[in-house]
N, C-alpha and C. Protein backbone atom coordinates (compact mmCIF):
# COMPACT_ATOMS: atom_id res chain seq x y z
N MET A 1 101.35 57.90 91.85
CA MET A 1 101.08 58.26 90.50
C MET A 1 99.46 58.44 90.04
N LYS A 2 98.89 56.60 90.82
CA LYS A 2 97.24 56.46 90.96
C LYS A 2 96.84 57.91 91.07
N ASP A 3 97.38 58.55 92.48
CA ASP A 3 96.40 59.63 93.15
C ASP A 3 96.43 60.80 92.60
N LEU A 4 97.06 60.60 91.03
CA LEU A 4 97.00 62.23 90.44
C LEU A 4 95.22 62.21 89.62
N LYS A 5 94.75 63.16 89.75
CA LYS A 5 93.28 64.06 89.01
C LYS A 5 93.58 64.47 87.48
N GLN A 6 94.73 65.03 87.99
CA GLN A 6 94.60 66.50 86.62
C GLN A 6 95.43 65.69 85.72
N LEU A 7 96.71 65.05 85.60
CA LEU A 7 97.36 64.36 85.24
C LEU A 7 97.16 63.41 83.82
N GLY A 8 96.26 63.71 82.86
CA GLY A 8 96.31 62.81 81.53
C GLY A 8 94.43 63.07 81.40
N GLN A 9 94.22 63.77 82.01
CA GLN A 9 92.53 63.91 82.57
C GLN A 9 92.10 65.27 81.35
N ILE A 10 91.03 65.42 80.88
CA ILE A 10 90.26 66.86 79.95
C ILE A 10 89.89 67.43 81.07
N THR A 11 89.85 68.25 82.23
CA THR A 11 89.50 68.94 82.90
C THR A 11 89.00 70.51 82.45
N LYS A 12 88.05 70.48 82.71
CA LYS A 12 87.61 71.89 83.11
C LYS A 12 88.45 73.11 83.93
N VAL A 13 88.60 74.58 83.44
CA VAL A 13 89.71 75.27 84.11
C VAL A 13 88.85 75.46 85.59
N PRO A 14 89.26 75.08 86.72
CA PRO A 14 88.62 75.80 88.51
C PRO A 14 88.25 77.39 87.98
N THR A 15 87.04 77.29 87.46
CA THR A 15 86.46 79.16 87.75
C THR A 15 86.17 79.79 89.12
N ILE A 16 86.99 79.34 89.81
CA ILE A 16 87.49 79.86 91.57
C ILE A 16 89.18 79.14 91.94
N ARG A 17 89.47 80.05 92.96
CA ARG A 17 91.43 79.66 93.44
C ARG A 17 90.43 78.91 94.54
N ASP A 18 91.60 77.48 93.88
CA ASP A 18 91.39 76.77 94.97
C ASP A 18 92.23 76.17 95.46
N ALA A 19 93.27 76.03 96.32
CA ALA A 19 94.28 75.20 96.55
C ALA A 19 94.84 74.14 96.44
N SER A 20 93.40 73.02 96.35
CA SER A 20 93.30 71.10 96.55
C SER A 20 93.01 71.42 95.65
N THR A 21 94.10 72.11 94.63
CA THR A 21 93.87 71.85 92.46
C THR A 21 95.42 71.50 92.64
N LEU A 22 96.20 71.36 93.33
CA LEU A 22 98.22 71.32 93.41
C LEU A 22 97.48 70.01 93.43
N GLU A 23 98.51 69.60 92.80
CA GLU A 23 99.00 67.76 93.31
C GLU A 23 100.38 67.84 93.48
N ARG A 24 100.89 66.83 94.03
CA ARG A 24 102.30 66.45 94.02
C ARG A 24 102.89 65.58 93.35
N ILE A 25 104.05 65.30 93.52
CA ILE A 25 104.33 63.85 93.34
C ILE A 25 106.37 63.40 93.96
N ASP A 26 106.21 62.39 94.02
CA ASP A 26 107.77 61.66 95.02
C ASP A 26 108.77 62.20 94.24
N ASN A 27 110.15 63.35 94.55
CA ASN A 27 110.39 63.93 94.14
C ASN A 27 111.57 62.77 94.51
N PRO A 28 112.37 62.07 92.46
CA PRO A 28 113.44 61.39 93.18
C PRO A 28 114.69 61.36 93.56
N SER A 29 115.28 62.32 93.66
CA SER A 29 115.89 62.42 94.02
C SER A 29 115.93 63.32 95.56
N PRO A 30 115.07 62.96 96.20
CA PRO A 30 115.28 63.83 97.54
C PRO A 30 116.55 64.66 99.00
N SER A 31 117.20 63.93 98.51
CA SER A 31 118.64 64.45 98.98
C SER A 31 119.95 65.11 98.50
N ARG A 32 119.08 65.65 97.17
CA ARG A 32 120.46 66.52 96.45
C ARG A 32 119.09 68.17 96.34
N LEU A 33 120.68 68.71 96.24
CA LEU A 33 119.79 70.27 96.09
C LEU A 33 119.81 70.58 94.98
N TYR A 34 118.54 70.63 94.55
CA TYR A 34 119.09 71.24 93.55
C TYR A 34 117.61 72.11 92.83
N GLU A 35 117.81 73.05 91.56
CA GLU A 35 116.57 74.04 91.54
C GLU A 35 115.41 73.51 90.98
N VAL A 36 114.31 74.65 90.75
CA VAL A 36 113.14 74.00 89.16
C VAL A 36 112.39 75.01 89.27
N THR A 37 112.50 75.35 88.03
CA THR A 37 112.17 76.70 87.48
C THR A 37 110.84 76.36 87.24
N LEU A 38 109.79 77.28 87.25
CA LEU A 38 108.46 77.04 86.44
C LEU A 38 108.20 78.25 86.06
N HIS A 39 108.23 78.52 84.86
CA HIS A 39 107.30 80.46 83.75
C HIS A 39 106.21 80.14 83.47
N SER A 40 105.32 80.86 83.41
CA SER A 40 103.75 81.31 82.85
C SER A 40 103.71 82.38 82.22
N LYS A 41 103.66 82.16 81.24
CA LYS A 41 103.63 83.91 80.48
C LYS A 41 102.44 85.01 80.36
N GLU A 42 101.21 83.37 80.72
CA GLU A 42 99.04 84.05 80.45
C GLU A 42 98.65 83.87 81.82
N PHE A 43 99.70 84.99 82.53
CA PHE A 43 98.51 84.36 83.88
C PHE A 43 97.78 85.39 84.06
N THR A 44 96.57 85.89 84.32
CA THR A 44 95.61 86.79 84.25
C THR A 44 94.21 86.76 85.98
N SER A 45 94.22 88.00 86.06
CA SER A 45 93.54 87.81 87.64
C SER A 45 92.21 89.13 87.11
N LEU A 46 91.74 89.52 88.24
CA LEU A 46 91.35 90.73 87.99
C LEU A 46 91.91 91.86 89.04
N CYS A 47 91.70 93.21 88.68
CA CYS A 47 91.83 94.29 90.00
C CYS A 47 90.93 94.16 90.74
N PRO A 48 90.93 94.03 92.17
CA PRO A 48 89.55 94.18 92.90
C PRO A 48 88.62 94.92 92.93
N VAL A 49 89.34 96.58 92.36
CA VAL A 49 88.69 97.61 92.77
C VAL A 49 88.31 98.45 91.83
N THR A 50 88.29 97.54 90.07
CA THR A 50 87.93 98.00 89.01
C THR A 50 86.79 96.78 88.43
N GLY A 51 87.68 95.79 88.77
CA GLY A 51 87.31 94.56 88.22
C GLY A 51 87.97 93.94 86.67
N GLN A 52 89.05 95.15 86.50
CA GLN A 52 89.15 94.95 85.04
C GLN A 52 90.94 93.67 84.72
N ALA A 53 91.22 93.76 83.89
CA ALA A 53 92.20 92.05 84.07
C ALA A 53 93.86 92.63 84.04
N ASP A 54 93.99 91.97 85.06
CA ASP A 54 95.34 92.00 85.52
C ASP A 54 96.34 91.29 84.02
N PHE A 55 97.35 91.75 83.59
CA PHE A 55 98.36 90.50 82.86
C PHE A 55 99.56 90.41 83.53
N GLY A 56 100.00 89.22 83.17
CA GLY A 56 101.26 89.20 83.79
C GLY A 56 101.98 87.92 83.26
N GLU A 57 103.11 87.33 84.17
CA GLU A 57 103.77 86.44 83.66
C GLU A 57 104.44 85.51 85.60
N ILE A 58 104.71 84.54 85.32
CA ILE A 58 104.57 83.89 87.13
C ILE A 58 106.03 83.57 86.63
N THR A 59 107.29 83.90 87.79
CA THR A 59 108.22 82.14 87.42
C THR A 59 108.18 81.93 89.17
N ILE A 60 108.38 80.53 89.18
CA ILE A 60 108.44 80.16 90.49
C ILE A 60 109.79 79.29 89.96
N SER A 61 110.52 79.09 91.36
CA SER A 61 111.82 78.60 91.17
C SER A 61 111.77 78.35 93.14
N TYR A 62 112.30 76.63 92.51
CA TYR A 62 111.87 76.20 93.87
C TYR A 62 113.53 75.20 94.55
N SER A 63 113.43 74.65 95.85
CA SER A 63 114.70 73.72 96.15
C SER A 63 113.98 72.86 96.68
N PRO A 64 112.85 72.04 96.05
CA PRO A 64 112.45 70.38 96.92
C PRO A 64 112.47 70.13 97.36
N GLY A 65 112.21 69.46 98.83
CA GLY A 65 112.74 69.13 99.38
C GLY A 65 112.24 67.63 98.90
N SER A 66 111.17 67.02 99.63
CA SER A 66 110.88 65.23 99.61
C SER A 66 109.19 65.21 98.25
N HIS A 67 108.91 65.92 98.20
CA HIS A 67 107.55 66.68 96.69
C HIS A 67 108.13 67.41 95.73
N LEU A 68 107.46 67.03 93.88
CA LEU A 68 107.67 67.75 93.26
C LEU A 68 106.46 68.53 93.19
N ILE A 69 106.10 69.18 92.33
CA ILE A 69 104.53 69.85 92.36
C ILE A 69 104.35 69.11 90.08
N GLU A 70 103.04 68.71 90.32
CA GLU A 70 102.50 67.81 89.04
C GLU A 70 102.31 68.78 89.05
N THR A 71 103.40 69.96 87.36
CA THR A 71 103.06 69.94 86.37
C THR A 71 100.68 70.65 85.85
N LYS A 72 100.74 69.98 85.56
CA LYS A 72 99.42 70.27 85.01
C LYS A 72 98.43 71.17 86.24
N SER A 73 98.60 70.34 87.54
CA SER A 73 97.39 71.16 88.63
C SER A 73 98.10 71.98 88.89
N LEU A 74 99.65 72.28 88.67
CA LEU A 74 99.91 73.75 88.67
C LEU A 74 99.17 74.72 87.85
N LYS A 75 99.35 74.39 85.63
CA LYS A 75 98.56 74.91 85.19
C LYS A 75 96.60 75.27 85.27
N MET A 76 96.47 74.34 85.68
CA MET A 76 95.38 74.28 86.52
C MET A 76 94.76 75.24 88.17
N TYR A 77 95.64 75.53 88.07
CA TYR A 77 95.98 76.32 89.99
C TYR A 77 95.70 77.39 88.74
N LEU A 78 96.75 78.32 88.16
CA LEU A 78 97.33 79.46 88.05
C LEU A 78 95.98 79.64 87.25
N ALA A 79 95.06 78.96 86.04
CA ALA A 79 94.63 79.46 84.72
C ALA A 79 93.16 79.72 86.17
N SER A 80 92.54 79.51 86.90
CA SER A 80 92.05 79.38 88.08
C SER A 80 92.12 81.04 88.29
N TYR A 81 92.36 81.70 88.23
CA TYR A 81 92.87 82.78 88.98
C TYR A 81 91.69 83.95 87.90
N ARG A 82 90.91 83.30 86.68
CA ARG A 82 91.56 84.91 85.75
C ARG A 82 90.10 85.86 86.41
N ASN A 83 89.39 85.18 87.90
CA ASN A 83 88.23 85.17 87.83
C ASN A 83 88.08 85.92 89.75
N GLU A 84 90.35 86.17 90.07
CA GLU A 84 90.19 86.32 91.21
C GLU A 84 90.31 87.57 91.03
N LYS A 85 89.44 88.42 91.98
CA LYS A 85 89.40 89.86 92.25
C LYS A 85 90.86 90.09 93.06
N LEU A 86 91.75 89.97 93.29
CA LEU A 86 92.86 90.03 93.59
C LEU A 86 94.67 90.94 94.16
N PHE A 87 95.25 91.87 94.52
CA PHE A 87 95.56 93.24 94.31
C PHE A 87 97.15 92.20 93.97
N ASN A 88 98.01 93.03 92.57
CA ASN A 88 98.66 91.56 92.15
C ASN A 88 100.29 91.57 93.49
N GLU A 89 100.22 92.17 94.61
CA GLU A 89 100.91 91.81 95.62
C GLU A 89 100.74 90.54 96.45
N GLN A 90 99.20 90.59 96.53
CA GLN A 90 98.74 90.29 97.04
C GLN A 90 98.67 88.22 96.40
N THR A 91 98.24 88.39 95.15
CA THR A 91 97.96 87.43 94.96
C THR A 91 99.14 85.93 94.35
N VAL A 92 100.90 86.95 94.47
CA VAL A 92 101.87 86.23 94.33
C VAL A 92 102.49 85.80 95.63
N ASN A 93 101.61 86.30 97.30
CA ASN A 93 101.53 86.38 98.11
C ASN A 93 101.56 85.03 98.84
N VAL A 94 99.65 84.92 97.76
CA VAL A 94 98.73 83.66 98.40
C VAL A 94 99.45 82.31 97.49
N ILE A 95 99.53 82.67 95.88
CA ILE A 95 100.76 81.92 95.02
C ILE A 95 102.29 81.06 96.47
N LEU A 96 102.23 81.72 97.19
CA LEU A 96 103.55 81.23 97.93
C LEU A 96 102.92 80.59 99.06
N ASP A 97 102.27 81.15 99.75
CA ASP A 97 101.38 80.40 100.78
C ASP A 97 101.53 79.20 100.10
N ASP A 98 100.18 79.21 99.53
CA ASP A 98 99.71 77.32 98.82
C ASP A 98 100.31 76.63 98.66
N LEU A 99 102.06 77.44 97.43
CA LEU A 99 103.16 76.03 96.93
C LEU A 99 103.38 75.40 98.26
N VAL A 100 103.45 76.38 99.52
CA VAL A 100 104.53 75.80 100.46
C VAL A 100 103.36 75.39 101.04
N ALA A 101 102.22 75.56 101.80
CA ALA A 101 101.41 74.28 102.42
C ALA A 101 101.51 72.67 101.82
N VAL A 102 101.58 72.45 100.14
CA VAL A 102 102.00 71.74 99.71
C VAL A 102 103.21 70.73 99.48
N LEU A 103 104.05 72.03 98.98
CA LEU A 103 105.31 70.73 98.19
C LEU A 103 106.31 71.33 100.00
N HIS A 104 106.02 71.87 101.15
CA HIS A 104 107.41 71.87 101.95
C HIS A 104 108.95 71.87 101.10
N PRO A 105 109.11 72.36 100.30
CA PRO A 105 110.48 72.66 99.87
C PRO A 105 111.18 73.13 100.21
N LYS A 106 112.35 73.44 100.42
CA LYS A 106 113.99 73.60 101.04
C LYS A 106 113.59 75.32 101.10
N SER A 107 113.05 75.42 99.51
CA SER A 107 113.13 77.26 99.11
C SER A 107 112.34 77.16 98.00
N ILE A 108 111.68 78.62 98.37
CA ILE A 108 110.89 79.19 97.03
C ILE A 108 110.95 80.51 96.57
N THR A 109 110.84 80.76 95.64
CA THR A 109 110.89 82.32 95.07
C THR A 109 108.94 82.22 94.83
N ILE A 110 107.99 83.26 94.07
CA ILE A 110 107.59 83.51 93.18
C ILE A 110 107.77 84.71 93.00
N LEU A 111 108.13 84.57 91.74
CA LEU A 111 107.97 86.46 90.98
C LEU A 111 106.95 86.80 90.28
N GLY A 112 106.40 87.49 90.02
CA GLY A 112 105.05 88.01 89.01
C GLY A 112 105.56 89.37 88.83
N VAL A 113 104.99 89.53 87.47
CA VAL A 113 105.52 91.01 86.66
C VAL A 113 104.47 90.80 86.01
N PHE A 114 103.84 91.55 86.32
CA PHE A 114 102.21 92.70 85.71
C PHE A 114 102.43 93.27 84.68
N SER A 115 101.54 93.50 83.78
CA SER A 115 102.06 94.96 82.40
C SER A 115 101.17 95.85 82.85
N GLN A 116 102.57 96.55 82.27
CA GLN A 116 101.56 97.93 83.19
C GLN A 116 100.52 98.55 82.26
N ARG A 117 100.38 99.35 83.64
CA ARG A 117 99.10 99.70 84.21
C ARG A 117 99.26 101.82 84.09
N GLY A 118 98.36 102.40 83.14
CA GLY A 118 98.21 103.98 83.97
C GLY A 118 100.22 104.15 83.83
N GLY A 119 100.66 104.02 83.22
CA GLY A 119 101.96 103.73 83.14
C GLY A 119 103.29 103.25 84.20
N ILE A 120 102.39 101.95 84.42
CA ILE A 120 103.57 101.93 85.77
C ILE A 120 103.65 100.04 86.27
N GLN A 121 104.97 99.74 85.62
CA GLN A 121 104.65 98.11 85.63
C GLN A 121 105.42 97.55 86.77
N LEU A 122 104.06 96.57 87.42
CA LEU A 122 104.64 96.18 89.29
C LEU A 122 105.37 94.66 88.69
N THR A 123 106.00 94.34 90.40
CA THR A 123 106.74 93.06 89.98
C THR A 123 106.82 93.23 91.50
N VAL A 124 106.17 91.61 91.95
CA VAL A 124 106.54 91.40 93.32
C VAL A 124 107.15 89.96 93.76
N LYS A 125 107.77 90.07 94.58
CA LYS A 125 109.23 88.81 94.46
C LYS A 125 108.59 88.35 96.16
N ALA A 126 108.47 87.51 95.93
CA ALA A 126 107.84 86.78 97.89
C ALA A 126 108.80 84.85 98.17
N SER A 127 109.08 84.93 99.48
CA SER A 127 109.55 83.57 99.29
C SER A 127 110.08 83.26 100.80
N HIS A 128 109.89 82.39 100.55
CA HIS A 128 110.06 81.23 101.58
C HIS A 128 111.70 80.69 101.55
N PRO A 129 112.00 79.79 102.97
CA PRO A 129 111.93 81.01 103.77
C PRO A 129 112.25 82.62 103.77
N ASP A 130 111.16 83.15 104.18
CA ASP A 130 111.55 84.95 104.90
C ASP A 130 112.73 85.04 104.60
N GLY A 131 113.70 85.95 103.83
CA GLY A 131 114.33 86.65 103.72
C GLY A 131 115.11 87.42 103.45
């Protein structure tokens, strides 16, 4: 826990997305199969074509292996997307890739539900392992 840089510190929201913002802690029950669900209702990124804000909700559900995500670092990581120009589908897959690289979970699913634009609501779901 001494190595955590986000927890208990007042930090500014990163202005660019950086997976090194993510921190992990040891799983106190690594042999038990259980699920952790985290939900962010205030996700924002930018459309890569128009530059307009895309608003959405991100839900992360995972069965941890040896590590858990440290939630303050996840909060800062997700907030850093506010200046990122990515399609919603790309955003969900990048979040998945970054969390898999940090946590090495038994399984993980990212669900992005984005606000309606032009009368269409977009939902993206990506999982690891694939399937």
